Structure formats: C-alpha cells, structure tokens
Full PDB file with SEQRES, HELIX, SHEET, SSBOND, CRYST1, ORIGX, SCALE, CONECT and MASTER records, all heavy atoms in Angstrom:
SEQRES   1 A   31  GLY ALA ASP PRO ALA ALA LEU ILE GLN PRO GLY ARG ARG          
SEQRES   2 A   31  ARG GLN PRO ALA ARG LEU ARG ALA LEU VAL ILE HIS HIS          
SEQRES   3 A   31  ALA LEU ASP ARG ARG                                          
HELIX    1 AA1 PRO A    4  LEU A    7  5                                   4    
HELIX    2 AA2 ARG A   14  ASP A   29  1                                  16    
CRYST1    1.000    1.000    1.000  90.00  90.00  90.00 P 1           1          
ORIGX1      1.000000  0.000000  0.000000        0.00000                         
ORIGX2      0.000000  1.000000  0.000000        0.00000                         
ORIGX3      0.000000  0.000000  1.000000        0.00000                         
SCALE1      1.000000  0.000000  0.000000        0.00000                         
SCALE2      0.000000  1.000000  0.000000        0.00000                         
SCALE3      0.000000  0.000000  1.000000        0.00000                         
ATOM      1  N   GLY A   1     -84.543 -26.593 109.389  1.00  0.00           N  
ATOM      2  CA  GLY A   1     -84.490 -25.984 108.064  1.00  0.00           C  
ATOM      3  C   GLY A   1     -83.092 -25.849 107.504  1.00  0.00           C  
ATOM      4  O   GLY A   1     -82.762 -24.831 106.860  1.00  0.00           O  
ATOM      5  N   ALA A   2     -82.249 -26.842 107.730  1.00  0.00           N  
ATOM      6  CA  ALA A   2     -80.853 -26.776 107.288  1.00  0.00           C  
ATOM      7  C   ALA A   2     -80.551 -27.916 106.321  1.00  0.00           C  
ATOM      8  O   ALA A   2     -81.280 -28.912 106.241  1.00  0.00           O  
ATOM      9  CB  ALA A   2     -79.917 -26.847 108.489  1.00  0.00           C  
ATOM     10  N   ASP A   3     -79.467 -27.759 105.590  1.00  0.00           N  
ATOM     11  CA  ASP A   3     -79.006 -28.771 104.635  1.00  0.00           C  
ATOM     12  C   ASP A   3     -78.023 -29.704 105.346  1.00  0.00           C  
ATOM     13  O   ASP A   3     -76.990 -29.239 105.852  1.00  0.00           O  
ATOM     14  CB  ASP A   3     -78.328 -28.084 103.456  1.00  0.00           C  
ATOM     15  CG  ASP A   3     -77.814 -29.071 102.415  1.00  0.00           C  
ATOM     16  OD1 ASP A   3     -78.033 -30.289 102.581  1.00  0.00           O  
ATOM     17  OD2 ASP A   3     -77.166 -28.620 101.451  1.00  0.00           O  
ATOM     18  N   PRO A   4     -78.293 -31.007 105.402  1.00  0.00           N  
ATOM     19  CA  PRO A   4     -77.364 -31.935 106.075  1.00  0.00           C  
ATOM     20  C   PRO A   4     -75.945 -31.865 105.534  1.00  0.00           C  
ATOM     21  O   PRO A   4     -74.980 -32.073 106.273  1.00  0.00           O  
ATOM     22  CB  PRO A   4     -77.988 -33.304 105.807  1.00  0.00           C  
ATOM     23  CG  PRO A   4     -79.444 -33.018 105.593  1.00  0.00           C  
ATOM     24  CD  PRO A   4     -79.489 -31.687 104.910  1.00  0.00           C  
ATOM     25  N   ALA A   5     -75.796 -31.533 104.245  1.00  0.00           N  
ATOM     26  CA  ALA A   5     -74.458 -31.466 103.651  1.00  0.00           C  
ATOM     27  C   ALA A   5     -73.617 -30.367 104.288  1.00  0.00           C  
ATOM     28  O   ALA A   5     -72.384 -30.460 104.327  1.00  0.00           O  
ATOM     29  CB  ALA A   5     -74.561 -31.224 102.147  1.00  0.00           C  
ATOM     30  N   ALA A   6     -74.270 -29.329 104.827  1.00  0.00           N  
ATOM     31  CA  ALA A   6     -73.527 -28.220 105.429  1.00  0.00           C  
ATOM     32  C   ALA A   6     -72.777 -28.659 106.681  1.00  0.00           C  
ATOM     33  O   ALA A   6     -71.773 -28.048 107.063  1.00  0.00           O  
ATOM     34  CB  ALA A   6     -74.486 -27.074 105.772  1.00  0.00           C  
ATOM     35  N   LEU A   7     -73.258 -29.734 107.334  1.00  0.00           N  
ATOM     36  CA  LEU A   7     -72.640 -30.171 108.594  1.00  0.00           C  
ATOM     37  C   LEU A   7     -71.321 -30.897 108.380  1.00  0.00           C  
ATOM     38  O   LEU A   7     -70.524 -31.043 109.326  1.00  0.00           O  
ATOM     39  CB  LEU A   7     -73.599 -31.074 109.376  1.00  0.00           C  
ATOM     40  CG  LEU A   7     -74.593 -30.349 110.303  1.00  0.00           C  
ATOM     41  CD1 LEU A   7     -75.549 -29.482 109.490  1.00  0.00           C  
ATOM     42  CD2 LEU A   7     -75.374 -31.339 111.155  1.00  0.00           C  
ATOM     43  N   ILE A   8     -71.086 -31.377 107.160  1.00  0.00           N  
ATOM     44  CA  ILE A   8     -69.831 -32.097 106.910  1.00  0.00           C  
ATOM     45  C   ILE A   8     -68.850 -31.258 106.099  1.00  0.00           C  
ATOM     46  O   ILE A   8     -67.739 -31.705 105.825  1.00  0.00           O  
ATOM     47  CB  ILE A   8     -70.090 -33.441 106.192  1.00  0.00           C  
ATOM     48  CG1 ILE A   8     -70.774 -33.208 104.839  1.00  0.00           C  
ATOM     49  CG2 ILE A   8     -70.919 -34.362 107.076  1.00  0.00           C  
ATOM     50  CD1 ILE A   8     -70.938 -34.488 104.036  1.00  0.00           C  
ATOM     51  N   GLN A   9     -69.264 -30.052 105.720  1.00  0.00           N  
ATOM     52  CA  GLN A   9     -68.358 -29.182 104.980  1.00  0.00           C  
ATOM     53  C   GLN A   9     -67.352 -28.539 105.917  1.00  0.00           C  
ATOM     54  O   GLN A   9     -67.639 -28.324 107.091  1.00  0.00           O  
ATOM     55  CB  GLN A   9     -69.164 -28.102 104.250  1.00  0.00           C  
ATOM     56  CG  GLN A   9     -70.038 -28.647 103.125  1.00  0.00           C  
ATOM     57  CD  GLN A   9     -70.958 -27.601 102.524  1.00  0.00           C  
ATOM     58  OE1 GLN A   9     -70.995 -26.471 103.002  1.00  0.00           O  
ATOM     59  NE2 GLN A   9     -71.687 -27.983 101.485  1.00  0.00           N  
ATOM     60  N   PRO A  10     -66.150 -28.218 105.426  1.00  0.00           N  
ATOM     61  CA  PRO A  10     -65.154 -27.547 106.272  1.00  0.00           C  
ATOM     62  C   PRO A  10     -65.612 -26.148 106.647  1.00  0.00           C  
ATOM     63  O   PRO A  10     -66.445 -25.538 105.965  1.00  0.00           O  
ATOM     64  CB  PRO A  10     -63.903 -27.522 105.398  1.00  0.00           C  
ATOM     65  CG  PRO A  10     -64.413 -27.625 103.997  1.00  0.00           C  
ATOM     66  CD  PRO A  10     -65.638 -28.465 104.062  1.00  0.00           C  
ATOM     67  N   GLY A  11     -65.039 -25.627 107.727  1.00  0.00           N  
ATOM     68  CA  GLY A  11     -65.388 -24.280 108.168  1.00  0.00           C  
ATOM     69  C   GLY A  11     -65.992 -24.298 109.566  1.00  0.00           C  
ATOM     70  O   GLY A  11     -66.291 -25.366 110.120  1.00  0.00           O  
ATOM     71  N   ARG A  12     -66.180 -23.088 110.105  1.00  0.00           N  
ATOM     72  CA  ARG A  12     -66.665 -22.959 111.474  1.00  0.00           C  
ATOM     73  C   ARG A  12     -67.912 -22.081 111.551  1.00  0.00           C  
ATOM     74  O   ARG A  12     -68.108 -21.344 112.515  1.00  0.00           O  
ATOM     75  CB  ARG A  12     -65.563 -22.369 112.376  1.00  0.00           C  
ATOM     76  CG  ARG A  12     -64.334 -23.251 112.475  1.00  0.00           C  
ATOM     77  CD  ARG A  12     -63.340 -22.681 113.462  1.00  0.00           C  
ATOM     78  NE  ARG A  12     -62.178 -23.529 113.608  1.00  0.00           N  
ATOM     79  CZ  ARG A  12     -61.182 -23.300 114.464  1.00  0.00           C  
ATOM     80  NH1 ARG A  12     -61.220 -22.211 115.234  1.00  0.00           N  
ATOM     81  NH2 ARG A  12     -60.155 -24.121 114.543  1.00  0.00           N  
ATOM     82  N   ARG A  13     -68.743 -22.149 110.532  1.00  0.00           N  
ATOM     83  CA  ARG A  13     -69.959 -21.345 110.566  1.00  0.00           C  
ATOM     84  C   ARG A  13     -70.842 -21.767 111.734  1.00  0.00           C  
ATOM     85  O   ARG A  13     -70.947 -22.949 112.066  1.00  0.00           O  
ATOM     86  CB  ARG A  13     -70.706 -21.496 109.239  1.00  0.00           C  
ATOM     87  CG  ARG A  13     -70.018 -20.792 108.062  1.00  0.00           C  
ATOM     88  CD  ARG A  13     -70.735 -21.094 106.762  1.00  0.00           C  
ATOM     89  NE  ARG A  13     -70.649 -22.531 106.458  1.00  0.00           N  
ATOM     90  CZ  ARG A  13     -71.454 -23.145 105.587  1.00  0.00           C  
ATOM     91  NH1 ARG A  13     -72.400 -22.460 104.969  1.00  0.00           N  
ATOM     92  NH2 ARG A  13     -71.310 -24.426 105.356  1.00  0.00           N  
ATOM     93  N   ARG A  14     -71.501 -20.784 112.339  1.00  0.00           N  
ATOM     94  CA  ARG A  14     -72.194 -21.007 113.607  1.00  0.00           C  
ATOM     95  C   ARG A  14     -73.356 -22.000 113.497  1.00  0.00           C  
ATOM     96  O   ARG A  14     -73.448 -22.930 114.296  1.00  0.00           O  
ATOM     97  CB  ARG A  14     -72.713 -19.665 114.148  1.00  0.00           C  
ATOM     98  CG  ARG A  14     -73.408 -19.797 115.501  1.00  0.00           C  
ATOM     99  CD  ARG A  14     -73.707 -18.429 116.087  1.00  0.00           C  
ATOM    100  NE  ARG A  14     -74.355 -18.557 117.384  1.00  0.00           N  
ATOM    101  CZ  ARG A  14     -75.676 -18.629 117.541  1.00  0.00           C  
ATOM    102  NH1 ARG A  14     -76.471 -18.591 116.484  1.00  0.00           N  
ATOM    103  NH2 ARG A  14     -76.197 -18.753 118.743  1.00  0.00           N  
ATOM    104  N   GLN A  15     -74.235 -21.822 112.502  1.00  0.00           N  
ATOM    105  CA  GLN A  15     -75.411 -22.697 112.451  1.00  0.00           C  
ATOM    106  C   GLN A  15     -75.049 -24.159 112.221  1.00  0.00           C  
ATOM    107  O   GLN A  15     -75.549 -25.037 112.932  1.00  0.00           O  
ATOM    108  CB  GLN A  15     -76.397 -22.201 111.383  1.00  0.00           C  
ATOM    109  CG  GLN A  15     -77.676 -23.030 111.240  1.00  0.00           C  
ATOM    110  CD  GLN A  15     -78.585 -23.010 112.476  1.00  0.00           C  
ATOM    111  OE1 GLN A  15     -78.215 -22.441 113.508  1.00  0.00           O  
ATOM    112  NE2 GLN A  15     -79.741 -23.618 112.390  1.00  0.00           N  
ATOM    113  N   PRO A  16     -74.174 -24.494 111.256  1.00  0.00           N  
ATOM    114  CA  PRO A  16     -73.778 -25.903 111.136  1.00  0.00           C  
ATOM    115  C   PRO A  16     -73.102 -26.440 112.400  1.00  0.00           C  
ATOM    116  O   PRO A  16     -73.313 -27.593 112.773  1.00  0.00           O  
ATOM    117  CB  PRO A  16     -72.808 -25.891 109.943  1.00  0.00           C  
ATOM    118  CG  PRO A  16     -73.209 -24.709 109.152  1.00  0.00           C  
ATOM    119  CD  PRO A  16     -73.635 -23.687 110.145  1.00  0.00           C  
ATOM    120  N   ALA A  17     -72.306 -25.596 113.073  1.00  0.00           N  
ATOM    121  CA  ALA A  17     -71.632 -26.040 114.299  1.00  0.00           C  
ATOM    122  C   ALA A  17     -72.652 -26.354 115.393  1.00  0.00           C  
ATOM    123  O   ALA A  17     -72.521 -27.337 116.123  1.00  0.00           O  
ATOM    124  CB  ALA A  17     -70.653 -24.972 114.777  1.00  0.00           C  
ATOM    125  N   ARG A  18     -73.689 -25.504 115.515  1.00  0.00           N  
ATOM    126  CA  ARG A  18     -74.748 -25.737 116.517  1.00  0.00           C  
ATOM    127  C   ARG A  18     -75.457 -27.056 116.246  1.00  0.00           C  
ATOM    128  O   ARG A  18     -75.713 -27.842 117.160  1.00  0.00           O  
ATOM    129  CB  ARG A  18     -75.770 -24.597 116.498  1.00  0.00           C  
ATOM    130  CG  ARG A  18     -75.262 -23.257 116.979  1.00  0.00           C  
ATOM    131  CD  ARG A  18     -76.300 -22.168 116.784  1.00  0.00           C  
ATOM    132  NE  ARG A  18     -77.426 -22.317 117.712  1.00  0.00           N  
ATOM    133  CZ  ARG A  18     -78.654 -22.644 117.351  1.00  0.00           C  
ATOM    134  NH1 ARG A  18     -78.919 -22.896 116.065  1.00  0.00           N  
ATOM    135  NH2 ARG A  18     -79.618 -22.739 118.249  1.00  0.00           N  
ATOM    136  N   LEU A  19     -75.776 -27.289 114.967  1.00  0.00           N  
ATOM    137  CA  LEU A  19     -76.510 -28.511 114.628  1.00  0.00           C  
ATOM    138  C   LEU A  19     -75.623 -29.748 114.741  1.00  0.00           C  
ATOM    139  O   LEU A  19     -76.104 -30.826 115.097  1.00  0.00           O  
ATOM    140  CB  LEU A  19     -77.104 -28.390 113.226  1.00  0.00           C  
ATOM    141  CG  LEU A  19     -78.159 -27.286 113.074  1.00  0.00           C  
ATOM    142  CD1 LEU A  19     -78.777 -27.323 111.687  1.00  0.00           C  
ATOM    143  CD2 LEU A  19     -79.231 -27.399 114.149  1.00  0.00           C  
ATOM    144  N   ARG A  20     -74.321 -29.594 114.446  1.00  0.00           N  
ATOM    145  CA  ARG A  20     -73.404 -30.717 114.681  1.00  0.00           C  
ATOM    146  C   ARG A  20     -73.409 -31.090 116.158  1.00  0.00           C  
ATOM    147  O   ARG A  20     -73.432 -32.262 116.524  1.00  0.00           O  
ATOM    148  CB  ARG A  20     -71.981 -30.357 114.242  1.00  0.00           C  
ATOM    149  CG  ARG A  20     -71.653 -30.725 112.820  1.00  0.00           C  
ATOM    150  CD  ARG A  20     -70.152 -30.727 112.559  1.00  0.00           C  
ATOM    151  NE  ARG A  20     -69.522 -29.464 112.875  1.00  0.00           N  
ATOM    152  CZ  ARG A  20     -69.439 -28.448 112.026  1.00  0.00           C  
ATOM    153  NH1 ARG A  20     -69.942 -28.547 110.808  1.00  0.00           N  
ATOM    154  NH2 ARG A  20     -68.837 -27.328 112.385  1.00  0.00           N  
ATOM    155  N   ALA A  21     -73.372 -30.052 117.023  1.00  0.00           N  
ATOM    156  CA  ALA A  21     -73.405 -30.315 118.467  1.00  0.00           C  
ATOM    157  C   ALA A  21     -74.676 -31.044 118.857  1.00  0.00           C  
ATOM    158  O   ALA A  21     -74.658 -31.964 119.699  1.00  0.00           O  
ATOM    159  CB  ALA A  21     -73.285 -29.001 119.238  1.00  0.00           C  
ATOM    160  N   LEU A  22     -75.787 -30.679 118.240  1.00  0.00           N  
ATOM    161  CA  LEU A  22     -77.061 -31.326 118.553  1.00  0.00           C  
ATOM    162  C   LEU A  22     -77.065 -32.782 118.083  1.00  0.00           C  
ATOM    163  O   LEU A  22     -77.552 -33.677 118.786  1.00  0.00           O  
ATOM    164  CB  LEU A  22     -78.199 -30.546 117.891  1.00  0.00           C  
ATOM    165  CG  LEU A  22     -79.610 -30.805 118.399  1.00  0.00           C  
ATOM    166  CD1 LEU A  22     -79.696 -30.605 119.901  1.00  0.00           C  
ATOM    167  CD2 LEU A  22     -80.603 -29.913 117.667  1.00  0.00           C  
ATOM    168  N   VAL A  23     -76.512 -33.025 116.899  1.00  0.00           N  
ATOM    169  CA  VAL A  23     -76.405 -34.403 116.402  1.00  0.00           C  
ATOM    170  C   VAL A  23     -75.512 -35.227 117.334  1.00  0.00           C  
ATOM    171  O   VAL A  23     -75.845 -36.360 117.696  1.00  0.00           O  
ATOM    172  CB  VAL A  23     -75.852 -34.425 114.962  1.00  0.00           C  
ATOM    173  CG1 VAL A  23     -75.543 -35.860 114.536  1.00  0.00           C  
ATOM    174  CG2 VAL A  23     -76.837 -33.786 113.995  1.00  0.00           C  
ATOM    175  N   ILE A  24     -74.367 -34.666 117.716  1.00  0.00           N  
ATOM    176  CA  ILE A  24     -73.443 -35.368 118.619  1.00  0.00           C  
ATOM    177  C   ILE A  24     -74.146 -35.703 119.930  1.00  0.00           C  
ATOM    178  O   ILE A  24     -74.058 -36.830 120.435  1.00  0.00           O  
ATOM    179  CB  ILE A  24     -72.195 -34.507 118.887  1.00  0.00           C  
ATOM    180  CG1 ILE A  24     -71.419 -34.260 117.601  1.00  0.00           C  
ATOM    181  CG2 ILE A  24     -71.287 -35.178 119.922  1.00  0.00           C  
ATOM    182  CD1 ILE A  24     -70.411 -33.125 117.710  1.00  0.00           C  
ATOM    183  N   HIS A  25     -74.854 -34.707 120.469  1.00  0.00           N  
ATOM    184  CA  HIS A  25     -75.559 -34.908 121.747  1.00  0.00           C  
ATOM    185  C   HIS A  25     -76.518 -36.083 121.662  1.00  0.00           C  
ATOM    186  O   HIS A  25     -76.487 -36.995 122.503  1.00  0.00           O  
ATOM    187  CB  HIS A  25     -76.314 -33.636 122.113  1.00  0.00           C  
ATOM    188  CG  HIS A  25     -77.292 -33.811 123.227  1.00  0.00           C  
ATOM    189  ND1 HIS A  25     -76.917 -33.807 124.556  1.00  0.00           N  
ATOM    190  CD2 HIS A  25     -78.641 -34.011 123.222  1.00  0.00           C  
ATOM    191  CE1 HIS A  25     -77.976 -33.997 125.310  1.00  0.00           C  
ATOM    192  NE2 HIS A  25     -79.031 -34.121 124.522  1.00  0.00           N  
ATOM    193  N   HIS A  26     -77.396 -36.089 120.655  1.00  0.00           N  
ATOM    194  CA  HIS A  26     -78.407 -37.142 120.561  1.00  0.00           C  
ATOM    195  C   HIS A  26     -77.793 -38.483 120.160  1.00  0.00           C  
ATOM    196  O   HIS A  26     -78.261 -39.541 120.604  1.00  0.00           O  
ATOM    197  CB  HIS A  26     -79.493 -36.736 119.566  1.00  0.00           C  
ATOM    198  CG  HIS A  26     -80.419 -35.686 120.097  1.00  0.00           C  
ATOM    199  ND1 HIS A  26     -81.295 -35.918 121.144  1.00  0.00           N  
ATOM    200  CD2 HIS A  26     -80.602 -34.390 119.747  1.00  0.00           C  
ATOM    201  CE1 HIS A  26     -81.990 -34.829 121.400  1.00  0.00           C  
ATOM    202  NE2 HIS A  26     -81.572 -33.877 120.581  1.00  0.00           N  
ATOM    203  N   ALA A  27     -76.745 -38.458 119.338  1.00  0.00           N  
ATOM    204  CA  ALA A  27     -76.095 -39.712 118.944  1.00  0.00           C  
ATOM    205  C   ALA A  27     -75.442 -40.397 120.138  1.00  0.00           C  
ATOM    206  O   ALA A  27     -75.555 -41.618 120.316  1.00  0.00           O  
ATOM    207  CB  ALA A  27     -75.065 -39.446 117.851  1.00  0.00           C  
ATOM    208  N   LEU A  28     -74.754 -39.606 120.984  1.00  0.00           N  
ATOM    209  CA  LEU A  28     -74.111 -40.177 122.169  1.00  0.00           C  
ATOM    210  C   LEU A  28     -75.146 -40.531 123.230  1.00  0.00           C  
ATOM    211  O   LEU A  28     -75.045 -41.563 123.892  1.00  0.00           O  
ATOM    212  CB  LEU A  28     -73.099 -39.182 122.744  1.00  0.00           C  
ATOM    213  CG  LEU A  28     -71.911 -38.844 121.845  1.00  0.00           C  
ATOM    214  CD1 LEU A  28     -71.054 -37.760 122.489  1.00  0.00           C  
ATOM    215  CD2 LEU A  28     -71.073 -40.081 121.556  1.00  0.00           C  
ATOM    216  N   ASP A  29     -76.165 -39.670 123.373  1.00  0.00           N  
ATOM    217  CA  ASP A  29     -77.198 -39.883 124.377  1.00  0.00           C  
ATOM    218  C   ASP A  29     -77.938 -41.194 124.137  1.00  0.00           C  
ATOM    219  O   ASP A  29     -78.231 -41.949 125.073  1.00  0.00           O  
ATOM    220  CB  ASP A  29     -78.175 -38.698 124.353  1.00  0.00           C  
ATOM    221  CG  ASP A  29     -79.212 -38.764 125.448  1.00  0.00           C  
ATOM    222  OD1 ASP A  29     -78.844 -39.164 126.566  1.00  0.00           O  
ATOM    223  OD2 ASP A  29     -80.372 -38.417 125.202  1.00  0.00           O  
ATOM    224  N   ARG A  30     -78.238 -41.492 122.875  1.00  0.00           N  
ATOM    225  CA  ARG A  30     -78.976 -42.701 122.527  1.00  0.00           C  
ATOM    226  C   ARG A  30     -78.060 -43.826 122.073  1.00  0.00           C  
ATOM    227  O   ARG A  30     -78.527 -44.853 121.612  1.00  0.00           O  
ATOM    228  CB  ARG A  30     -80.008 -42.371 121.445  1.00  0.00           C  
ATOM    229  CG  ARG A  30     -81.151 -41.515 121.972  1.00  0.00           C  
ATOM    230  CD  ARG A  30     -81.948 -40.889 120.844  1.00  0.00           C  
ATOM    231  NE  ARG A  30     -83.165 -40.259 121.338  1.00  0.00           N  
ATOM    232  CZ  ARG A  30     -83.198 -39.064 121.923  1.00  0.00           C  
ATOM    233  NH1 ARG A  30     -82.077 -38.387 122.081  1.00  0.00           N  
ATOM    234  NH2 ARG A  30     -84.333 -38.556 122.356  1.00  0.00           N  
ATOM    235  N   ARG A  31     -76.766 -43.582 122.171  1.00  0.00           N  
ATOM    236  CA  ARG A  31     -75.744 -44.574 121.823  1.00  0.00           C  
ATOM    237  C   ARG A  31     -75.905 -45.056 120.386  1.00  0.00           C  
ATOM    238  O   ARG A  31     -75.740 -46.222 120.071  1.00  0.00           O  
ATOM    239  CB  ARG A  31     -75.781 -45.730 122.820  1.00  0.00           C  
ATOM    240  CG  ARG A  31     -75.596 -45.268 124.257  1.00  0.00           C  
ATOM    241  CD  ARG A  31     -75.645 -46.391 125.256  1.00  0.00           C  
ATOM    242  NE  ARG A  31     -74.392 -47.116 125.275  1.00  0.00           N  
ATOM    243  CZ  ARG A  31     -74.178 -48.188 126.024  1.00  0.00           C  
ATOM    244  NH1 ARG A  31     -75.138 -48.647 126.805  1.00  0.00           N  
ATOM    245  NH2 ARG A  31     -73.030 -48.807 125.996  1.00  0.00           N  
TER     246      ARG A  31                                                      
MASTER        0    0    0    2    0    0    0    6  245    1    0    3          
END                                                                             
C-alpha cells in the first residue's frame, strides 16, 4: 500500500527505507 515514487525521494523515512530494502533483496536475489 505504498507509492513507488516515495522510494526514490530523498530522506530517511522508515517505511520507504524498509521497502527499498525489500526491493534490493528481491532484485539481487533474482539477479
């Protein structure tokens, strides 16, 4: 339930940071 644009905006808000970590995890995991 999040806005993808929030993940590329500057700042260190917790929810976008958590979802960025999840994107990184799956992107690297599946190459």
